[in-house]
Each structure stands twice: as C-alpha cells, then as structure tokens.
Amino acid sequence: MQIKNKYFIFFTIGILAVFLASFTTLLFLFPTSSVFAVETSKSKIKDLVITISPTKELLRVKNMAPGNMVIAPLRVMNTGKEDFSYDISNEMESGDMLYNELDLTITDQKGKLLYSKKLKDLKNLELGKLNISQNETFNISVGLPIEAGNEYQGTHTSVKFVLNAHPLK
C-alpha cells in the first residue's frame, strides 16, 4: 500500500513539474515587449537647437508583467544660440493595444511630478524653458497597470517621444 502512495506522490509531483515548465516556457515564448525611442523635431529657426541624451533609444523593455515599471533618465540640453521653451509628445509607431494600456510618469530633476496619466494621452506637455547652454534631466517611467490582464501577454509596442523647442515670446 505504501508503494502505491509513494508512486502517486511522485506522479503528482511529476505532473506539476511538467505543467510548471510548460507554463514558464509559454510565458517566455510570448513576452510583452516595448521599445521607447526619443528624438527632437527640427526647428525652422536655426538658432534653436535642442539636444537629448540618450540620442535614440530611451528604453527597451522585455517581459513586462502587470505591476512592473521601468524608469530611464532623459537629459535635454540647449545647444543653440537662443533661449527656448520646449514640450514633449509621443507618437505610437506600432502596437496600439499595449500602447493604450501603459501608464507614463514624468518627473523633473527635483522630483516634481509633471505628468502621471496614460502614455497615449501625452500631447505637447510643457517642460519649461532652457537658457543657452543649460540642461535638465527628467525621469521617464513607463508601467503596465497591475489590473492589466493576460490579454497583453505577447503584445508589443513601439513609441517615439518627440521634444519640440519653441522661441520665447
């Protein structure tokens, strides 16, 4: 009788191990991933030059699960010959399902909250004014809400943040 119980326990553990391995494999076969690029718009006024760092890819996120958030610094510099005000917007390049669900938070270098809403709603957020040779760093946080379901598993989005410089009036 004890031999049958022993085999039953090993059989149950084996089935659970196979199930767990299969589930984990599926999770990695269909990861959620996002790419967040950054660029500046070309000003029609040649003395307005806004420079950013990093220059291309701000974030690349793989396997984002509900409740996860990633943070990256974005440095903005005035390398032109005029002071300017500037704003930030974003453009979805692909993957509208995940794009519409992601949360975005932007804080300045002092920790002041500038934006905390859905990524898709970011349009022409005024970031302030930069004098010649000045720079400012912002923290960009992107997260998948904890209440997001399994329907986002295997989805992908690509987003471009665009910074625009405007002459001071």
C-alpha atoms as a PDB file:
ATOM      1  CA  MET A   1       0.000   0.000   0.000  1.00  0.00           C
ATOM      2  CA  GLN A   2       2.805   2.427   0.835  1.00  0.00           C
ATOM      3  CA  ILE A   3       4.473   1.743  -2.502  1.00  0.00           C
ATOM      4  CA  LYS A   4       1.311   2.857  -4.334  1.00  0.00           C
ATOM      5  CA  ASN A   5       1.173   6.073  -2.269  1.00  0.00           C
ATOM      6  CA  LYS A   6       4.836   6.716  -2.986  1.00  0.00           C
ATOM      7  CA  TYR A   7       4.256   6.342  -6.749  1.00  0.00           C
ATOM      8  CA  PHE A   8       1.162   8.541  -6.566  1.00  0.00           C
ATOM      9  CA  ILE A   9       3.138  11.305  -4.846  1.00  0.00           C
ATOM     10  CA  PHE A  10       5.965  11.069  -7.420  1.00  0.00           C
ATOM     11  CA  PHE A  11       3.433  11.009 -10.260  1.00  0.00           C
ATOM     12  CA  THR A  12       1.666  14.116  -8.887  1.00  0.00           C
ATOM     13  CA  ILE A  13       4.949  15.973  -8.413  1.00  0.00           C
ATOM     14  CA  GLY A  14       5.991  14.999 -11.954  1.00  0.00           C
ATOM     15  CA  ILE A  15       2.733  16.271 -13.461  1.00  0.00           C
ATOM     16  CA  LEU A  16       3.050  19.560 -11.544  1.00  0.00           C
ATOM     17  CA  ALA A  17       6.672  19.958 -12.689  1.00  0.00           C
ATOM     18  CA  VAL A  18       5.706  19.383 -16.340  1.00  0.00           C
ATOM     19  CA  PHE A  19       2.825  21.866 -16.036  1.00  0.00           C
ATOM     20  CA  LEU A  20       5.057  24.499 -14.404  1.00  0.00           C
ATOM     21  CA  ALA A  21       7.788  24.026 -17.025  1.00  0.00           C
ATOM     22  CA  SER A  22       5.233  24.295 -19.846  1.00  0.00           C
ATOM     23  CA  PHE A  23       3.656  27.431 -18.387  1.00  0.00           C
ATOM     24  CA  THR A  24       7.061  29.077 -17.875  1.00  0.00           C
ATOM     25  CA  THR A  25       8.075  28.207 -21.450  1.00  0.00           C
ATOM     26  CA  LEU A  26       4.873  29.728 -22.823  1.00  0.00           C
ATOM     27  CA  LEU A  27       5.450  32.859 -20.760  1.00  0.00           C
ATOM     28  CA  PHE A  28       8.855  33.349 -22.385  1.00  0.00           C
ATOM     29  CA  LEU A  29       7.678  32.399 -25.867  1.00  0.00           C
ATOM     30  CA  PHE A  30       5.100  35.203 -25.828  1.00  0.00           C
ATOM     31  CA  PRO A  31       6.726  38.049 -23.881  1.00  0.00           C
ATOM     32  CA  THR A  32       5.349  41.551 -23.623  1.00  0.00           C
ATOM     33  CA  SER A  33       7.902  43.960 -25.053  1.00  0.00           C
ATOM     34  CA  SER A  34       8.179  47.667 -25.680  1.00  0.00           C
ATOM     35  CA  VAL A  35      10.649  49.996 -27.346  1.00  0.00           C
ATOM     36  CA  PHE A  36      10.680  53.692 -26.458  1.00  0.00           C
ATOM     37  CA  ALA A  37      12.738  55.902 -28.761  1.00  0.00           C
ATOM     38  CA  VAL A  38      13.355  59.609 -28.431  1.00  0.00           C
ATOM     39  CA  GLU A  39      14.021  62.344 -30.978  1.00  0.00           C
ATOM     40  CA  THR A  40      13.869  66.091 -31.393  1.00  0.00           C
ATOM     41  CA  SER A  41      11.903  67.933 -34.013  1.00  0.00           C
ATOM     42  CA  LYS A  42      13.810  70.151 -36.417  1.00  0.00           C
ATOM     43  CA  SER A  43      13.123  73.796 -35.702  1.00  0.00           C
ATOM     44  CA  LYS A  44      12.605  76.216 -38.570  1.00  0.00           C
ATOM     45  CA  ILE A  45      14.698  78.686 -36.578  1.00  0.00           C
ATOM     46  CA  LYS A  46      18.337  77.632 -36.965  1.00  0.00           C
ATOM     47  CA  ASP A  47      19.429  79.122 -33.618  1.00  0.00           C
ATOM     48  CA  LEU A  48      17.018  76.865 -31.673  1.00  0.00           C
ATOM     49  CA  VAL A  49      18.904  73.627 -31.090  1.00  0.00           C
ATOM     50  CA  ILE A  50      17.571  71.079 -28.622  1.00  0.00           C
ATOM     51  CA  THR A  51      19.841  68.104 -27.926  1.00  0.00           C
ATOM     52  CA  ILE A  52      18.918  64.981 -25.983  1.00  0.00           C
ATOM     53  CA  SER A  53      20.654  62.085 -24.297  1.00  0.00           C
ATOM     54  CA  PRO A  54      20.186  59.255 -24.993  1.00  0.00           C
ATOM     55  CA  THR A  55      20.006  60.143 -28.663  1.00  0.00           C
ATOM     56  CA  LYS A  56      17.999  57.188 -29.998  1.00  0.00           C
ATOM     57  CA  GLU A  57      16.606  54.522 -27.683  1.00  0.00           C
ATOM     58  CA  LEU A  58      15.377  55.635 -24.281  1.00  0.00           C
ATOM     59  CA  LEU A  59      14.021  52.272 -23.088  1.00  0.00           C
ATOM     60  CA  ARG A  60      13.745  48.695 -24.322  1.00  0.00           C
ATOM     61  CA  VAL A  61      11.520  46.578 -22.102  1.00  0.00           C
ATOM     62  CA  LYS A  62      11.028  42.821 -22.383  1.00  0.00           C
ATOM     63  CA  ASN A  63       8.731  40.592 -20.357  1.00  0.00           C
ATOM     64  CA  MET A  64       6.829  43.408 -18.678  1.00  0.00           C
ATOM     65  CA  ALA A  65       4.267  41.953 -16.306  1.00  0.00           C
ATOM     66  CA  PRO A  66       1.286  43.724 -14.732  1.00  0.00           C
ATOM     67  CA  GLY A  67       2.551  45.965 -11.946  1.00  0.00           C
ATOM     68  CA  ASN A  68       6.043  46.361 -13.458  1.00  0.00           C
ATOM     69  CA  MET A  69       7.500  49.802 -14.090  1.00  0.00           C
ATOM     70  CA  VAL A  70      10.760  50.871 -15.732  1.00  0.00           C
ATOM     71  CA  ILE A  71      12.499  54.227 -15.330  1.00  0.00           C
ATOM     72  CA  ALA A  72      15.023  55.976 -17.559  1.00  0.00           C
ATOM     73  CA  PRO A  73      16.624  59.420 -17.373  1.00  0.00           C
ATOM     74  CA  LEU A  74      16.203  61.798 -20.304  1.00  0.00           C
ATOM     75  CA  ARG A  75      18.628  64.723 -20.480  1.00  0.00           C
ATOM     76  CA  VAL A  76      17.596  67.770 -22.518  1.00  0.00           C
ATOM     77  CA  MET A  77      20.193  70.404 -23.490  1.00  0.00           C
ATOM     78  CA  ASN A  78      20.041  73.802 -25.174  1.00  0.00           C
ATOM     79  CA  THR A  79      22.998  73.713 -27.571  1.00  0.00           C
ATOM     80  CA  GLY A  80      21.739  76.548 -29.744  1.00  0.00           C
ATOM     81  CA  LYS A  81      22.161  80.322 -29.700  1.00  0.00           C
ATOM     82  CA  GLU A  82      18.745  81.269 -28.273  1.00  0.00           C
ATOM     83  CA  ASP A  83      16.787  80.518 -25.127  1.00  0.00           C
ATOM     84  CA  PHE A  84      13.658  78.454 -25.755  1.00  0.00           C
ATOM     85  CA  SER A  85      10.644  76.806 -24.192  1.00  0.00           C
ATOM     86  CA  TYR A  86      10.010  73.175 -25.019  1.00  0.00           C
ATOM     87  CA  ASP A  87       7.445  70.415 -24.821  1.00  0.00           C
ATOM     88  CA  ILE A  88       7.200  66.662 -25.200  1.00  0.00           C
ATOM     89  CA  SER A  89       4.704  64.492 -27.072  1.00  0.00           C
ATOM     90  CA  ASN A  90       4.713  60.902 -28.221  1.00  0.00           C
ATOM     91  CA  GLU A  91       3.875  59.010 -31.370  1.00  0.00           C
ATOM     92  CA  MET A  92       2.872  55.357 -31.441  1.00  0.00           C
ATOM     93  CA  GLU A  93       4.829  53.570 -34.137  1.00  0.00           C
ATOM     94  CA  SER A  94       3.245  50.139 -33.618  1.00  0.00           C
ATOM     95  CA  GLY A  95       1.215  48.073 -31.170  1.00  0.00           C
ATOM     96  CA  ASP A  96      -1.877  50.065 -30.215  1.00  0.00           C
ATOM     97  CA  MET A  97      -3.302  47.526 -27.738  1.00  0.00           C
ATOM     98  CA  LEU A  98      -0.347  47.721 -25.336  1.00  0.00           C
ATOM     99  CA  TYR A  99       0.256  51.419 -26.105  1.00  0.00           C
ATOM    100  CA  ASN A 100      -3.268  52.301 -24.958  1.00  0.00           C
ATOM    101  CA  GLU A 101      -2.798  50.492 -21.631  1.00  0.00           C
ATOM    102  CA  LEU A 102       0.632  51.730 -20.483  1.00  0.00           C
ATOM    103  CA  ASP A 103       0.968  54.358 -17.752  1.00  0.00           C
ATOM    104  CA  LEU A 104       3.504  57.186 -18.034  1.00  0.00           C
ATOM    105  CA  THR A 105       5.020  59.337 -15.309  1.00  0.00           C
ATOM    106  CA  ILE A 106       7.418  62.228 -15.907  1.00  0.00           C
ATOM    107  CA  THR A 107       9.253  63.999 -13.078  1.00  0.00           C
ATOM    108  CA  ASP A 108      11.853  66.744 -13.241  1.00  0.00           C
ATOM    109  CA  GLN A 109      15.322  66.562 -11.675  1.00  0.00           C
ATOM    110  CA  LYS A 110      13.953  67.883  -8.367  1.00  0.00           C
ATOM    111  CA  GLY A 111      11.337  65.122  -8.261  1.00  0.00           C
ATOM    112  CA  LYS A 112       8.400  67.381  -9.131  1.00  0.00           C
ATOM    113  CA  LEU A 113       5.617  65.416 -10.811  1.00  0.00           C
ATOM    114  CA  LEU A 114       4.893  66.826 -14.279  1.00  0.00           C
ATOM    115  CA  TYR A 115       2.739  64.068 -15.780  1.00  0.00           C
ATOM    116  CA  SER A 116       1.033  60.933 -14.478  1.00  0.00           C
ATOM    117  CA  LYS A 117      -1.551  59.559 -16.912  1.00  0.00           C
ATOM    118  CA  LYS A 118      -1.843  57.097 -19.757  1.00  0.00           C
ATOM    119  CA  LEU A 119       1.033  57.130 -22.248  1.00  0.00           C
ATOM    120  CA  LYS A 120      -1.420  57.572 -25.127  1.00  0.00           C
ATOM    121  CA  ASP A 121      -2.639  60.905 -23.679  1.00  0.00           C
ATOM    122  CA  LEU A 122       0.755  62.674 -23.702  1.00  0.00           C
ATOM    123  CA  LYS A 123       0.435  65.610 -26.103  1.00  0.00           C
ATOM    124  CA  ASN A 124       2.534  68.808 -26.020  1.00  0.00           C
ATOM    125  CA  LEU A 125       3.371  68.701 -22.301  1.00  0.00           C
ATOM    126  CA  GLU A 126       5.202  71.947 -21.500  1.00  0.00           C
ATOM    127  CA  LEU A 127       8.502  71.089 -19.806  1.00  0.00           C
ATOM    128  CA  GLY A 128       9.708  74.626 -19.219  1.00  0.00           C
ATOM    129  CA  LYS A 129      12.374  76.964 -20.501  1.00  0.00           C
ATOM    130  CA  LEU A 130      16.053  76.344 -21.204  1.00  0.00           C
ATOM    131  CA  ASN A 131      18.596  79.118 -21.467  1.00  0.00           C
ATOM    132  CA  ILE A 132      21.606  78.790 -23.758  1.00  0.00           C
ATOM    133  CA  SER A 133      23.995  76.021 -22.563  1.00  0.00           C
ATOM    134  CA  GLN A 134      21.601  74.856 -19.831  1.00  0.00           C
ATOM    135  CA  ASN A 135      20.318  71.327 -19.437  1.00  0.00           C
ATOM    136  CA  GLU A 136      17.699  69.489 -17.433  1.00  0.00           C
ATOM    137  CA  THR A 137      17.168  65.822 -16.692  1.00  0.00           C
ATOM    138  CA  PHE A 138      13.758  64.169 -16.463  1.00  0.00           C
ATOM    139  CA  ASN A 139      12.836  60.718 -15.206  1.00  0.00           C
ATOM    140  CA  ILE A 140      10.551  58.879 -17.604  1.00  0.00           C
ATOM    141  CA  SER A 141       8.641  55.979 -16.004  1.00  0.00           C
ATOM    142  CA  VAL A 142       6.535  53.555 -18.011  1.00  0.00           C
ATOM    143  CA  GLY A 143       4.450  50.851 -16.378  1.00  0.00           C
ATOM    144  CA  LEU A 144       1.834  48.229 -17.055  1.00  0.00           C
ATOM    145  CA  PRO A 145      -1.013  48.630 -14.540  1.00  0.00           C
ATOM    146  CA  ILE A 146      -1.439  45.836 -12.004  1.00  0.00           C
ATOM    147  CA  GLU A 147      -5.011  45.296 -13.209  1.00  0.00           C
ATOM    148  CA  ALA A 148      -3.874  44.541 -16.785  1.00  0.00           C
ATOM    149  CA  GLY A 149      -4.874  41.020 -17.732  1.00  0.00           C
ATOM    150  CA  ASN A 150      -3.291  38.197 -19.685  1.00  0.00           C
ATOM    151  CA  GLU A 151      -4.553  39.659 -22.963  1.00  0.00           C
ATOM    152  CA  TYR A 152      -1.354  41.769 -23.064  1.00  0.00           C
ATOM    153  CA  GLN A 153       0.888  38.693 -22.991  1.00  0.00           C
ATOM    154  CA  GLY A 154       2.787  38.505 -26.251  1.00  0.00           C
ATOM    155  CA  THR A 155       1.969  42.078 -27.268  1.00  0.00           C
ATOM    156  CA  HIS A 156       4.490  44.666 -28.412  1.00  0.00           C
ATOM    157  CA  THR A 157       4.535  48.418 -28.793  1.00  0.00           C
ATOM    158  CA  SER A 158       6.999  50.900 -30.184  1.00  0.00           C
ATOM    159  CA  VAL A 159       6.741  54.543 -29.128  1.00  0.00           C
ATOM    160  CA  LYS A 160       8.682  57.647 -30.087  1.00  0.00           C
ATOM    161  CA  PHE A 161       8.907  60.600 -27.681  1.00  0.00           C
ATOM    162  CA  VAL A 162       9.332  63.886 -29.567  1.00  0.00           C
ATOM    163  CA  LEU A 163      10.742  67.058 -27.992  1.00  0.00           C
ATOM    164  CA  ASN A 164       9.930  70.400 -29.621  1.00  0.00           C
ATOM    165  CA  ALA A 165      11.736  73.708 -28.994  1.00  0.00           C
ATOM    166  CA  HIS A 166       9.821  76.996 -29.347  1.00  0.00           C
ATOM    167  CA  PRO A 167      11.205  80.558 -29.392  1.00  0.00           C
ATOM    168  CA  LEU A 168      10.485  82.610 -26.293  1.00  0.00           C
ATOM    169  CA  LYS A 169       7.985  85.395 -26.883  1.00  0.00           C
END
